[in-house]
Amino acid sequence: MFDVIITGGTVVDGTERKGFAADVGIVGDRIEYIGDLSDTNTRRVIDAQGFTVAPGFIDTHTHSEGDLLVNPQHACGLRQGITTEFLGIDGMSYAPLSHENYLTYRYWLKGLLGEPPTDVDMSSVTAFRANYHKKVAINTVYLVPNGTVRLETAGFRDVPLAGPLMSNYKRLVREGMEQGAVGFTTGSSYYPGPWTSTEELIEICELVRDLGGVYMAEPRRANPERAHEGGGVLEALEIARRSGVKLHLAHFRTDPKTAGQVQLLMADVDKAKAQGVDVTLDIYPYPSGSTIPVSFFPSWAQDGGPEEIIQHLKNAASRAKIIEYLETEFYYLRSLDEIVFSYVPGNTRLEGLSLPDYAKELGISLGDALCRIMLEQDLNVGYTMPPPTSYGLWRQVSQDAMELLARDDYMVCSDITPAGSMPHPRSYGAFPRFLGRLRRTFHTLSLEAIIHRMTDRPAQRFSLAKRGRIEKGFFADITIFDANKVIDTATYDDPKQYPIGIHYVLVNGEVALDNERLTGVMAGQAVP
């Protein structure tokens, strides 16, 4: 007796093997049989006639940990066909942290991760995983974040990781990976992480290597003076070269300024790979990103944590120094003109308004306007960068994304940032945009190839046991969709729109999306 039989569909098993007609039989949380199951007893039949039956999609880069604690159904991910999401990305998350440090980092991160409950246990990776295991709709995977461990080890302070501090830091990394984390992450400018030097990261990554984990790096922007070659991808590659750790580069892509320059973008990566460095990468299919303005503030203003930042913003002299930094030194790294507020829970009227428009309303400079809103909102602000005004550049970035995804080292991510009424459209449309719109527009990858990059490839890279394939004995994480009609509908001006063409999603054998209807089932497991 089967619990579920999926009948009549075309199975694309995740391995790049050509799709084939077969039924899929599920018992409990596992795939039990693939073949002809006509006239077989079962509790539930899903008619997949005309649809593709694929492994559930694995998203290697999200910021869902806060939202999942208040919206465990997680429709924005589940309805994309995602059954497994990675957390702890970009060197920032909630574990392992004492309760006091959890509240501190929750404060600093709230513009990105929202405001989860204050009373959850985040004291260890084990505790973190327990907050999600069979309590949310999707599977979760955790990587130990650099900034989080720094906070627990050294406080929100710019101090070297030396002697006992480094020993304690490495103990927490070891314990986290022994408790189920699959690797270690760093971010571009998310404090207190950027106070870690290249040399310190090499020592930490030697431990990650010994424990069999993957080092996932969002290339550094902040504190370039303490990084090899000023940070960026060259620092990440140097860390991997000298430590021997497996490296994964986060959302590495062209943008409107580098559109069409794929070969140049990948030159350093390909050179390092030729020298034996083990590198993989992921990508989302959009020409702009999204983050939190609190990460823009200079290093000296971050020292002491979020409450100290507030005091600097209240102090006229400190605030003037921050404004000068934002409008001069920082402006060369990232344009303040490109800020569109996505999350301002204390003044939702501003969500969707640009910083230049807000500054014009107030009759003040961009830096002053940003400082004002950050103080008024107690740092609780998120933003999205708009797409380019040139449709030609946007199309080229999309074509570049498909060219990169065609490589043998890329996989798909969403970089979900769901907070606010105007989140980045990637939070609702990343996977179906690749799977439908861009696949059919550019014809760069077959359906089988693109599904491989969403399933088996990330499962293999991050050692997710029995995930990522339609195969006997594997967990029954399955996405069923119409390959001819699947498409994203989320846009920059109307982002909270679900995709079309994804009809059923099973998580560990339980139907979480039933004919495009959320069932409320919380079958997600903390994996691997």
Foldseek 3Di string as FASTA:
>chain_A
DFAEKEAQAFELWLPLPDTDHWIWTHHFQFTADTHDQPPHDYNYYHYQRLWYKYFQFEFEAALALLVCLVVQLLCLQVLLSHAEYEHCAAQDDQPLDDLVLSVQSCLQACLFRNHHDSPQHRNALLSSQVSAFQSHAHAYAYAHGQQNLCCRQPNQALDECDDPSLVSSLVRNVRRVVSGHQYYEHHAQRPPRVSYALVSLLVSQLSRVVSNHEYEYAWHDAPLVRAVVRTGPVRQLVSCVNSVHAYEYEAQFDALVCQPPLCVSCVVVVVSVVVPRHYFYEHFQFRWWKWFCSSLFHPVQSGPGLVSVLVLLVDPVSLVVRLVCVVPVSCVVPNLQFWQWAAQPVCLVRHRPGLVVQCVVVVHDSSNSVSVSCNVSSRNTMTIGAGDPDPVSGVSRNVRNLVVLLDPRYAYHQHARPHHQQGDLSSRFGSLAVQAVSCVPNVSDDNSSNLSRRFVVVCVVSVFPLTRTSDRPRGPFIWMWNSHQWHRDADRVRRPDHTPTTQWTDHSRHTQHHGNRGDPRSNYRHTD
